[in-house]
Every structure is written in structure tokens, then in C-alpha cells.
PDB file of all heavy atoms in Angstrom:
ATOM      1  N   VAL A   1      -6.332  -2.070   4.329  1.00  0.00           N
ATOM      2  CA  VAL A   1      -6.302  -3.534   4.240  1.00  0.00           C
ATOM      3  C   VAL A   1      -7.685  -3.957   3.766  1.00  0.00           C
ATOM      4  O   VAL A   1      -8.676  -3.704   4.444  1.00  0.00           O
ATOM      5  CB  VAL A   1      -5.974  -4.168   5.610  1.00  0.00           C
ATOM      6  CG1 VAL A   1      -5.909  -5.687   5.473  1.00  0.00           C
ATOM      7  CG2 VAL A   1      -4.627  -3.611   6.150  1.00  0.00           C
ATOM      8  N   TYR A   2      -7.724  -4.661   2.650  1.00  0.00           N
ATOM      9  CA  TYR A   2      -8.951  -5.143   2.060  1.00  0.00           C
ATOM     10  C   TYR A   2      -8.953  -6.664   1.956  1.00  0.00           C
ATOM     11  O   TYR A   2      -7.908  -7.274   1.761  1.00  0.00           O
ATOM     12  CB  TYR A   2      -9.175  -4.565   0.663  1.00  0.00           C
ATOM     13  CG  TYR A   2      -9.762  -3.204   0.602  1.00  0.00           C
ATOM     14  CD1 TYR A   2      -8.945  -2.106   0.568  1.00  0.00           C
ATOM     15  CD2 TYR A   2     -11.129  -3.004   0.610  1.00  0.00           C
ATOM     16  CE1 TYR A   2      -9.484  -0.817   0.546  1.00  0.00           C
ATOM     17  CE2 TYR A   2     -11.680  -1.742   0.577  1.00  0.00           C
ATOM     18  CZ  TYR A   2     -10.839  -0.634   0.544  1.00  0.00           C
ATOM     19  OH  TYR A   2     -11.396   0.599   0.512  1.00  0.00           O
ATOM     20  N   TRP A   3     -10.133  -7.199   2.009  1.00  0.00           N
ATOM     21  CA  TRP A   3     -10.356  -8.634   1.686  1.00  0.00           C
ATOM     22  C   TRP A   3     -11.202  -8.679   0.394  1.00  0.00           C
ATOM     23  O   TRP A   3     -12.203  -7.952   0.279  1.00  0.00           O
ATOM     24  CB  TRP A   3     -11.182  -9.287   2.813  1.00  0.00           C
ATOM     25  CG  TRP A   3     -11.777 -10.627   2.449  1.00  0.00           C
ATOM     26  CD1 TRP A   3     -13.065 -10.862   2.056  1.00  0.00           C
ATOM     27  CD2 TRP A   3     -11.122 -11.892   2.385  1.00  0.00           C
ATOM     28  NE1 TRP A   3     -13.276 -12.165   1.799  1.00  0.00           N
ATOM     29  CE2 TRP A   3     -12.056 -12.835   1.965  1.00  0.00           C
ATOM     30  CE3 TRP A   3      -9.825 -12.301   2.592  1.00  0.00           C
ATOM     31  CZ2 TRP A   3     -11.767 -14.182   1.787  1.00  0.00           C
ATOM     32  CZ3 TRP A   3      -9.506 -13.629   2.402  1.00  0.00           C
ATOM     33  CH2 TRP A   3     -10.468 -14.577   2.021  1.00  0.00           C
ATOM     34  N   LEU A   4     -10.756  -9.495  -0.554  1.00  0.00           N
ATOM     35  CA  LEU A   4     -11.503  -9.716  -1.767  1.00  0.00           C
ATOM     36  C   LEU A   4     -12.225 -11.061  -1.597  1.00  0.00           C
ATOM     37  O   LEU A   4     -11.600 -12.099  -1.477  1.00  0.00           O
ATOM     38  CB  LEU A   4     -10.638  -9.768  -3.021  1.00  0.00           C
ATOM     39  CG  LEU A   4     -11.373 -10.174  -4.278  1.00  0.00           C
ATOM     40  CD1 LEU A   4     -12.435  -9.150  -4.654  1.00  0.00           C
ATOM     41  CD2 LEU A   4     -10.385 -10.340  -5.410  1.00  0.00           C
ATOM     42  N   GLY A   5     -13.582 -11.014  -1.530  1.00  0.00           N
ATOM     43  CA  GLY A   5     -14.369 -12.237  -1.325  1.00  0.00           C
ATOM     44  C   GLY A   5     -14.766 -12.872  -2.628  1.00  0.00           C
ATOM     45  O   GLY A   5     -14.513 -12.315  -3.713  1.00  0.00           O
ATOM     46  N   ARG A   6     -15.361 -13.991  -2.518  1.00  0.00           N
ATOM     47  CA  ARG A   6     -15.883 -14.702  -3.745  1.00  0.00           C
ATOM     48  C   ARG A   6     -16.899 -13.772  -4.414  1.00  0.00           C
ATOM     49  O   ARG A   6     -17.636 -13.063  -3.791  1.00  0.00           O
ATOM     50  CB  ARG A   6     -16.543 -15.998  -3.295  1.00  0.00           C
ATOM     51  CG  ARG A   6     -15.578 -16.928  -2.629  1.00  0.00           C
ATOM     52  CD  ARG A   6     -15.860 -18.381  -2.968  1.00  0.00           C
ATOM     53  NE  ARG A   6     -14.942 -19.237  -2.292  1.00  0.00           N
ATOM     54  CZ  ARG A   6     -13.731 -19.573  -2.731  1.00  0.00           C
ATOM     55  NH1 ARG A   6     -13.326 -19.070  -3.874  1.00  0.00           N
ATOM     56  NH2 ARG A   6     -12.970 -20.351  -2.031  1.00  0.00           N
ATOM     57  N   GLY A   7     -16.886 -13.813  -5.719  1.00  0.00           N
ATOM     58  CA  GLY A   7     -17.782 -12.944  -6.472  1.00  0.00           C
ATOM     59  C   GLY A   7     -17.260 -11.537  -6.645  1.00  0.00           C
ATOM     60  O   GLY A   7     -17.990 -10.645  -7.151  1.00  0.00           O
ATOM     61  N   GLY A   8     -16.039 -11.197  -6.215  1.00  0.00           N
ATOM     62  CA  GLY A   8     -15.463  -9.896  -6.441  1.00  0.00           C
ATOM     63  C   GLY A   8     -15.876  -8.827  -5.444  1.00  0.00           C
ATOM     64  O   GLY A   8     -15.732  -7.639  -5.723  1.00  0.00           O
ATOM     65  N   ALA A   9     -16.450  -9.210  -4.287  1.00  0.00           N
ATOM     66  CA  ALA A   9     -16.863  -8.221  -3.303  1.00  0.00           C
ATOM     67  C   ALA A   9     -15.685  -7.834  -2.403  1.00  0.00           C
ATOM     68  O   ALA A   9     -15.021  -8.705  -1.847  1.00  0.00           O
ATOM     69  CB  ALA A   9     -17.981  -8.799  -2.435  1.00  0.00           C
ATOM     70  N   TRP A  10     -15.434  -6.519  -2.298  1.00  0.00           N
ATOM     71  CA  TRP A  10     -14.323  -6.011  -1.478  1.00  0.00           C
ATOM     72  C   TRP A  10     -14.835  -5.556  -0.098  1.00  0.00           C
ATOM     73  O   TRP A  10     -15.894  -4.990   0.007  1.00  0.00           O
ATOM     74  CB  TRP A  10     -13.686  -4.790  -2.169  1.00  0.00           C
ATOM     75  CG  TRP A  10     -13.020  -5.127  -3.438  1.00  0.00           C
ATOM     76  CD1 TRP A  10     -13.551  -5.082  -4.699  1.00  0.00           C
ATOM     77  CD2 TRP A  10     -11.658  -5.524  -3.611  1.00  0.00           C
ATOM     78  NE1 TRP A  10     -12.653  -5.435  -5.622  1.00  0.00           N
ATOM     79  CE2 TRP A  10     -11.449  -5.696  -5.004  1.00  0.00           C
ATOM     80  CE3 TRP A  10     -10.585  -5.729  -2.735  1.00  0.00           C
ATOM     81  CZ2 TRP A  10     -10.231  -6.102  -5.524  1.00  0.00           C
ATOM     82  CZ3 TRP A  10      -9.368  -6.110  -3.262  1.00  0.00           C
ATOM     83  CH2 TRP A  10      -9.202  -6.310  -4.617  1.00  0.00           C
ATOM     84  N   ARG A  11     -14.038  -5.832   0.963  1.00  0.00           N
ATOM     85  CA  ARG A  11     -14.399  -5.418   2.307  1.00  0.00           C
ATOM     86  C   ARG A  11     -13.176  -4.792   2.939  1.00  0.00           C
ATOM     87  O   ARG A  11     -12.138  -5.415   2.973  1.00  0.00           O
ATOM     88  CB  ARG A  11     -14.906  -6.598   3.118  1.00  0.00           C
ATOM     89  CG  ARG A  11     -15.273  -6.188   4.539  1.00  0.00           C
ATOM     90  CD  ARG A  11     -15.819  -7.350   5.317  1.00  0.00           C
ATOM     91  NE  ARG A  11     -16.330  -6.898   6.609  1.00  0.00           N
ATOM     92  CZ  ARG A  11     -17.506  -6.364   6.817  1.00  0.00           C
ATOM     93  NH1 ARG A  11     -18.335  -6.217   5.846  1.00  0.00           N
ATOM     94  NH2 ARG A  11     -17.876  -6.017   8.048  1.00  0.00           N
ATOM     95  N   LEU A  12     -13.376  -3.578   3.456  1.00  0.00           N
ATOM     96  CA  LEU A  12     -12.273  -2.925   4.203  1.00  0.00           C
ATOM     97  C   LEU A  12     -12.137  -3.558   5.561  1.00  0.00           C
ATOM     98  O   LEU A  12     -13.097  -3.604   6.329  1.00  0.00           O
ATOM     99  CB  LEU A  12     -12.571  -1.438   4.346  1.00  0.00           C
ATOM    100  CG  LEU A  12     -11.451  -0.661   5.075  1.00  0.00           C
ATOM    101  CD1 LEU A  12     -10.159  -0.628   4.249  1.00  0.00           C
ATOM    102  CD2 LEU A  12     -11.936   0.738   5.413  1.00  0.00           C
ATOM    103  N   ILE A  13     -10.986  -4.089   5.842  1.00  0.00           N
ATOM    104  CA  ILE A  13     -10.685  -4.684   7.162  1.00  0.00           C
ATOM    105  C   ILE A  13     -10.285  -3.557   8.121  1.00  0.00           C
ATOM    106  O   ILE A  13     -10.683  -3.561   9.289  1.00  0.00           O
ATOM    107  CB  ILE A  13      -9.539  -5.724   7.048  1.00  0.00           C
ATOM    108  CG1 ILE A  13      -9.963  -6.867   6.114  1.00  0.00           C
ATOM    109  CG2 ILE A  13      -9.127  -6.213   8.413  1.00  0.00           C
ATOM    110  CD1 ILE A  13     -11.132  -7.633   6.547  1.00  0.00           C
ATOM    111  N   GLY A  14      -9.484  -2.646   7.628  1.00  0.00           N
ATOM    112  CA  GLY A  14      -9.069  -1.508   8.440  1.00  0.00           C
ATOM    113  C   GLY A  14      -8.109  -0.618   7.709  1.00  0.00           C
ATOM    114  O   GLY A  14      -7.591  -0.998   6.660  1.00  0.00           O
ATOM    115  N   ALA A  15      -7.918   0.570   8.227  1.00  0.00           N
ATOM    116  CA  ALA A  15      -7.001   1.555   7.605  1.00  0.00           C
ATOM    117  C   ALA A  15      -6.191   2.232   8.738  1.00  0.00           C
ATOM    118  O   ALA A  15      -6.733   2.474   9.825  1.00  0.00           O
ATOM    119  CB  ALA A  15      -7.776   2.596   6.781  1.00  0.00           C
ATOM    120  N   SER A  16      -4.984   2.578   8.423  1.00  0.00           N
ATOM    121  CA  SER A  16      -4.104   3.186   9.407  1.00  0.00           C
ATOM    122  C   SER A  16      -3.148   4.171   8.728  1.00  0.00           C
ATOM    123  O   SER A  16      -2.841   4.025   7.522  1.00  0.00           O
ATOM    124  CB  SER A  16      -3.257   2.158  10.149  1.00  0.00           C
ATOM    125  OG  SER A  16      -4.079   1.318  10.916  1.00  0.00           O
ATOM    126  N   PRO A  17      -2.635   5.161   9.493  1.00  0.00           N
ATOM    127  CA  PRO A  17      -1.602   6.030   8.912  1.00  0.00           C
ATOM    128  C   PRO A  17      -0.374   5.235   8.577  1.00  0.00           C
ATOM    129  O   PRO A  17      -0.058   4.220   9.176  1.00  0.00           O
ATOM    130  CB  PRO A  17      -1.302   7.011  10.096  1.00  0.00           C
ATOM    131  CG  PRO A  17      -2.399   6.865  11.044  1.00  0.00           C
ATOM    132  CD  PRO A  17      -2.957   5.489  10.865  1.00  0.00           C
ATOM    133  N   VAL A  18       0.351   5.696   7.582  1.00  0.00           N
ATOM    134  CA  VAL A  18       1.565   5.037   7.138  1.00  0.00           C
ATOM    135  C   VAL A  18       2.556   6.113   6.694  1.00  0.00           C
ATOM    136  O   VAL A  18       2.202   7.192   6.273  1.00  0.00           O
ATOM    137  CB  VAL A  18       1.286   4.049   5.983  1.00  0.00           C
ATOM    138  CG1 VAL A  18       0.849   4.730   4.727  1.00  0.00           C
ATOM    139  CG2 VAL A  18       2.443   3.116   5.716  1.00  0.00           C
ATOM    140  N   SER A  19       3.835   5.808   6.817  1.00  0.00           N
ATOM    141  CA  SER A  19       4.887   6.680   6.346  1.00  0.00           C
ATOM    142  C   SER A  19       5.330   6.211   4.936  1.00  0.00           C
ATOM    143  O   SER A  19       5.638   5.050   4.783  1.00  0.00           O
ATOM    144  CB  SER A  19       6.058   6.647   7.337  1.00  0.00           C
ATOM    145  OG  SER A  19       7.104   7.422   6.833  1.00  0.00           O
ATOM    146  N   THR A  20       5.363   7.099   4.019  1.00  0.00           N
ATOM    147  CA  THR A  20       5.853   6.767   2.673  1.00  0.00           C
ATOM    148  C   THR A  20       7.029   7.645   2.330  1.00  0.00           C
ATOM    149  O   THR A  20       7.263   8.664   3.004  1.00  0.00           O
ATOM    150  CB  THR A  20       4.747   6.940   1.633  1.00  0.00           C
ATOM    151  OG1 THR A  20       4.398   8.307   1.500  1.00  0.00           O
ATOM    152  CG2 THR A  20       3.532   6.103   1.973  1.00  0.00           C
ATOM    153  N   GLY A  21       7.759   7.292   1.303  1.00  0.00           N
ATOM    154  CA  GLY A  21       8.903   8.069   0.896  1.00  0.00           C
ATOM    155  C   GLY A  21       8.594   9.431   0.384  1.00  0.00           C
ATOM    156  O   GLY A  21       7.511   9.649  -0.153  1.00  0.00           O
ATOM    157  N   PHE A  22       9.511  10.363   0.596  1.00  0.00           N
ATOM    158  CA  PHE A  22       9.307  11.742   0.161  1.00  0.00           C
ATOM    159  C   PHE A  22      10.650  12.350  -0.156  1.00  0.00           C
ATOM    160  O   PHE A  22      11.687  11.893   0.280  1.00  0.00           O
ATOM    161  CB  PHE A  22       8.552  12.556   1.194  1.00  0.00           C
ATOM    162  CG  PHE A  22       9.328  12.659   2.531  1.00  0.00           C
ATOM    163  CD1 PHE A  22      10.173  13.712   2.776  1.00  0.00           C
ATOM    164  CD2 PHE A  22       9.197  11.669   3.495  1.00  0.00           C
ATOM    165  CE1 PHE A  22      10.878  13.780   3.957  1.00  0.00           C
ATOM    166  CE2 PHE A  22       9.911  11.756   4.669  1.00  0.00           C
ATOM    167  CZ  PHE A  22      10.749  12.775   4.902  1.00  0.00           C
ATOM    168  N   ALA A  23      10.648  13.435  -0.931  1.00  0.00           N
ATOM    169  CA  ALA A  23      11.863  14.153  -1.241  1.00  0.00           C
ATOM    170  C   ALA A  23      12.360  14.791   0.021  1.00  0.00           C
ATOM    171  O   ALA A  23      11.631  15.484   0.696  1.00  0.00           O
ATOM    172  CB  ALA A  23      11.633  15.192  -2.326  1.00  0.00           C
ATOM    173  N   GLY A  24      13.632  14.533   0.383  1.00  0.00           N
ATOM    174  CA  GLY A  24      14.081  15.152   1.626  1.00  0.00           C
ATOM    175  C   GLY A  24      15.565  15.115   1.812  1.00  0.00           C
ATOM    176  O   GLY A  24      16.069  15.851   2.628  1.00  0.00           O
ATOM    177  N   GLY A  25      16.294  14.319   1.141  1.00  0.00           N
ATOM    178  CA  GLY A  25      17.708  14.281   1.349  1.00  0.00           C
ATOM    179  C   GLY A  25      18.333  13.047   0.713  1.00  0.00           C
ATOM    180  O   GLY A  25      17.684  12.289   0.034  1.00  0.00           O
ATOM    181  N   PHE A  26      19.641  12.887   0.964  1.00  0.00           N
ATOM    182  CA  PHE A  26      20.369  11.794   0.404  1.00  0.00           C
ATOM    183  C   PHE A  26      19.765  10.453   0.830  1.00  0.00           C
ATOM    184  O   PHE A  26      19.427  10.263   1.993  1.00  0.00           O
ATOM    185  CB  PHE A  26      21.854  11.845   0.835  1.00  0.00           C
ATOM    186  CG  PHE A  26      22.685  10.787   0.180  1.00  0.00           C
ATOM    187  CD1 PHE A  26      22.945  10.824  -1.194  1.00  0.00           C
ATOM    188  CD2 PHE A  26      23.230   9.782   0.946  1.00  0.00           C
ATOM    189  CE1 PHE A  26      23.712   9.819  -1.777  1.00  0.00           C
ATOM    190  CE2 PHE A  26      23.979   8.788   0.359  1.00  0.00           C
ATOM    191  CZ  PHE A  26      24.237   8.818  -1.004  1.00  0.00           C
ATOM    192  N   GLU A  27      19.678   9.547  -0.090  1.00  0.00           N
ATOM    193  CA  GLU A  27      19.118   8.211   0.091  1.00  0.00           C
ATOM    194  C   GLU A  27      17.609   8.225   0.433  1.00  0.00           C
ATOM    195  O   GLU A  27      17.120   7.280   1.032  1.00  0.00           O
ATOM    196  CB  GLU A  27      19.922   7.411   1.109  1.00  0.00           C
ATOM    197  CG  GLU A  27      21.303   7.086   0.580  1.00  0.00           C
ATOM    198  CD  GLU A  27      22.053   6.086   1.441  1.00  0.00           C
ATOM    199  OE1 GLU A  27      21.483   5.555   2.431  1.00  0.00           O
ATOM    200  OE2 GLU A  27      23.156   5.779   1.085  1.00  0.00           O
ATOM    201  N   TYR A  28      16.921   9.267   0.022  1.00  0.00           N
ATOM    202  CA  TYR A  28      15.472   9.291   0.156  1.00  0.00           C
ATOM    203  C   TYR A  28      14.868   8.873  -1.175  1.00  0.00           C
ATOM    204  O   TYR A  28      15.300   9.357  -2.223  1.00  0.00           O
ATOM    205  CB  TYR A  28      14.925  10.679   0.534  1.00  0.00           C
ATOM    206  CG  TYR A  28      15.079  11.044   1.965  1.00  0.00           C
ATOM    207  CD1 TYR A  28      16.328  11.279   2.525  1.00  0.00           C
ATOM    208  CD2 TYR A  28      13.955  11.180   2.781  1.00  0.00           C
ATOM    209  CE1 TYR A  28      16.463  11.621   3.850  1.00  0.00           C
ATOM    210  CE2 TYR A  28      14.101  11.501   4.109  1.00  0.00           C
ATOM    211  CZ  TYR A  28      15.347  11.748   4.634  1.00  0.00           C
ATOM    212  OH  TYR A  28      15.468  12.088   5.961  1.00  0.00           O
ATOM    213  N   PHE A  29      13.853   8.017  -1.128  1.00  0.00           N
ATOM    214  CA  PHE A  29      13.159   7.540  -2.366  1.00  0.00           C
ATOM    215  C   PHE A  29      11.728   7.939  -2.281  1.00  0.00           C
ATOM    216  O   PHE A  29      11.154   8.058  -1.178  1.00  0.00           O
ATOM    217  CB  PHE A  29      13.221   6.032  -2.441  1.00  0.00           C
ATOM    218  CG  PHE A  29      14.560   5.452  -2.783  1.00  0.00           C
ATOM    219  CD1 PHE A  29      15.494   5.212  -1.800  1.00  0.00           C
ATOM    220  CD2 PHE A  29      14.856   5.111  -4.092  1.00  0.00           C
ATOM    221  CE1 PHE A  29      16.730   4.638  -2.088  1.00  0.00           C
ATOM    222  CE2 PHE A  29      16.088   4.568  -4.391  1.00  0.00           C
ATOM    223  CZ  PHE A  29      17.019   4.321  -3.423  1.00  0.00           C
ATOM    224  N   LEU A  30      11.098   8.143  -3.427  1.00  0.00           N
ATOM    225  CA  LEU A  30       9.644   8.252  -3.464  1.00  0.00           C
ATOM    226  C   LEU A  30       9.077   6.824  -3.411  1.00  0.00           C
ATOM    227  O   LEU A  30       9.636   5.906  -4.012  1.00  0.00           O
ATOM    228  CB  LEU A  30       9.190   8.910  -4.788  1.00  0.00           C
ATOM    229  CG  LEU A  30       9.469  10.354  -4.950  1.00  0.00           C
ATOM    230  CD1 LEU A  30       8.985  10.856  -6.302  1.00  0.00           C
ATOM    231  CD2 LEU A  30       8.801  11.156  -3.827  1.00  0.00           C
ATOM    232  N   THR A  31       7.991   6.661  -2.707  1.00  0.00           N
ATOM    233  CA  THR A  31       7.364   5.321  -2.660  1.00  0.00           C
ATOM    234  C   THR A  31       6.929   4.976  -4.055  1.00  0.00           C
ATOM    235  O   THR A  31       6.225   5.745  -4.684  1.00  0.00           O
ATOM    236  CB  THR A  31       6.181   5.356  -1.670  1.00  0.00           C
ATOM    237  OG1 THR A  31       6.639   5.650  -0.361  1.00  0.00           O
ATOM    238  CG2 THR A  31       5.465   4.016  -1.665  1.00  0.00           C
ATOM    239  N   PRO A  32       7.369   3.801  -4.576  1.00  0.00           N
ATOM    240  CA  PRO A  32       7.026   3.485  -5.958  1.00  0.00           C
ATOM    241  C   PRO A  32       5.546   3.122  -6.141  1.00  0.00           C
ATOM    242  O   PRO A  32       4.867   2.694  -5.214  1.00  0.00           O
ATOM    243  CB  PRO A  32       7.889   2.246  -6.217  1.00  0.00           C
ATOM    244  CG  PRO A  32       8.169   1.674  -4.893  1.00  0.00           C
ATOM    245  CD  PRO A  32       8.148   2.821  -3.914  1.00  0.00           C
ATOM    246  N   LEU A  33       5.049   3.364  -7.368  1.00  0.00           N
ATOM    247  CA  LEU A  33       3.725   2.985  -7.744  1.00  0.00           C
ATOM    248  C   LEU A  33       3.723   1.609  -8.376  1.00  0.00           C
ATOM    249  O   LEU A  33       4.707   1.252  -9.030  1.00  0.00           O
ATOM    250  CB  LEU A  33       3.180   4.002  -8.727  1.00  0.00           C
ATOM    251  CG  LEU A  33       3.029   5.422  -8.251  1.00  0.00           C
ATOM    252  CD1 LEU A  33       2.639   6.345  -9.379  1.00  0.00           C
ATOM    253  CD2 LEU A  33       2.090   5.530  -7.084  1.00  0.00           C
ATOM    254  N   GLY A  34       2.705   0.856  -8.192  1.00  0.00           N
ATOM    255  CA  GLY A  34       2.587  -0.444  -8.856  1.00  0.00           C
ATOM    256  C   GLY A  34       1.938  -1.463  -7.960  1.00  0.00           C
ATOM    257  O   GLY A  34       1.452  -1.179  -6.895  1.00  0.00           O
ATOM    258  N   VAL A  35       1.964  -2.705  -8.477  1.00  0.00           N
ATOM    259  CA  VAL A  35       1.403  -3.865  -7.757  1.00  0.00           C
ATOM    260  C   VAL A  35       2.612  -4.722  -7.389  1.00  0.00           C
ATOM    261  O   VAL A  35       3.383  -5.115  -8.242  1.00  0.00           O
ATOM    262  CB  VAL A  35       0.419  -4.623  -8.624  1.00  0.00           C
ATOM    263  CG1 VAL A  35      -0.077  -5.885  -7.923  1.00  0.00           C
ATOM    264  CG2 VAL A  35      -0.753  -3.727  -9.010  1.00  0.00           C
ATOM    265  N   PHE A  36       2.722  -5.035  -6.095  1.00  0.00           N
ATOM    266  CA  PHE A  36       3.872  -5.811  -5.589  1.00  0.00           C
ATOM    267  C   PHE A  36       3.350  -7.017  -4.862  1.00  0.00           C
ATOM    268  O   PHE A  36       2.516  -6.845  -3.982  1.00  0.00           O
ATOM    269  CB  PHE A  36       4.743  -4.933  -4.667  1.00  0.00           C
ATOM    270  CG  PHE A  36       5.161  -3.641  -5.344  1.00  0.00           C
ATOM    271  CD1 PHE A  36       4.465  -2.478  -5.091  1.00  0.00           C
ATOM    272  CD2 PHE A  36       6.213  -3.605  -6.227  1.00  0.00           C
ATOM    273  CE1 PHE A  36       4.856  -1.302  -5.698  1.00  0.00           C
ATOM    274  CE2 PHE A  36       6.610  -2.447  -6.840  1.00  0.00           C
ATOM    275  CZ  PHE A  36       5.904  -1.298  -6.584  1.00  0.00           C
ATOM    276  N   GLU A  37       3.867  -8.174  -5.209  1.00  0.00           N
ATOM    277  CA  GLU A  37       3.398  -9.413  -4.552  1.00  0.00           C
ATOM    278  C   GLU A  37       4.161  -9.684  -3.253  1.00  0.00           C
ATOM    279  O   GLU A  37       5.364  -9.506  -3.195  1.00  0.00           O
ATOM    280  CB  GLU A  37       3.603 -10.592  -5.547  1.00  0.00           C
ATOM    281  CG  GLU A  37       2.974 -11.847  -5.065  1.00  0.00           C
ATOM    282  CD  GLU A  37       3.032 -12.953  -6.098  1.00  0.00           C
ATOM    283  OE1 GLU A  37       3.688 -12.764  -7.138  1.00  0.00           O
ATOM    284  OE2 GLU A  37       2.436 -13.993  -5.859  1.00  0.00           O
ATOM    285  N   HIS A  38       3.424 -10.116  -2.284  1.00  0.00           N
ATOM    286  CA  HIS A  38       3.988 -10.494  -1.013  1.00  0.00           C
ATOM    287  C   HIS A  38       4.130 -12.039  -1.012  1.00  0.00           C
ATOM    288  O   HIS A  38       3.151 -12.765  -1.151  1.00  0.00           O
ATOM    289  CB  HIS A  38       3.003 -10.104   0.107  1.00  0.00           C
ATOM    290  CG  HIS A  38       3.509 -10.377   1.476  1.00  0.00           C
ATOM    291  ND1 HIS A  38       3.156 -11.518   2.172  1.00  0.00           N
ATOM    292  CD2 HIS A  38       4.369  -9.708   2.269  1.00  0.00           C
ATOM    293  CE1 HIS A  38       3.731 -11.467   3.347  1.00  0.00           C
ATOM    294  NE2 HIS A  38       4.481 -10.407   3.437  1.00  0.00           N
ATOM    295  N   THR A  39       5.396 -12.492  -0.997  1.00  0.00           N
ATOM    296  CA  THR A  39       5.639 -13.929  -1.130  1.00  0.00           C
ATOM    297  C   THR A  39       6.571 -14.411  -0.001  1.00  0.00           C
ATOM    298  O   THR A  39       7.136 -13.606   0.718  1.00  0.00           O
ATOM    299  CB  THR A  39       6.334 -14.249  -2.460  1.00  0.00           C
ATOM    300  OG1 THR A  39       7.681 -13.733  -2.433  1.00  0.00           O
ATOM    301  CG2 THR A  39       5.571 -13.694  -3.652  1.00  0.00           C
TER     302      THR A  39
END
């Protein structure tokens, strides 16, 4: 989790383990790459 401040300065707020998609069976997806907007 990052904050982008004025002037383009990035600050790490925190980091944690996360589960992402992996090959493993029916209806399993790879976590997609890209930029996704939270709205």
C-alpha cells in the first residue's frame, strides 16, 4: 500500500501477504497483470 504525495514522492504505508491466483484446477485463474481502478 503506497501513498503518492505532492511532487511525486511515494511512501510505503504497509505491506502484507496476499493470496493470488495460480494454476491448480477447474475455475482457477492467474491473477491478471495491469492497472485496475477502484471506483
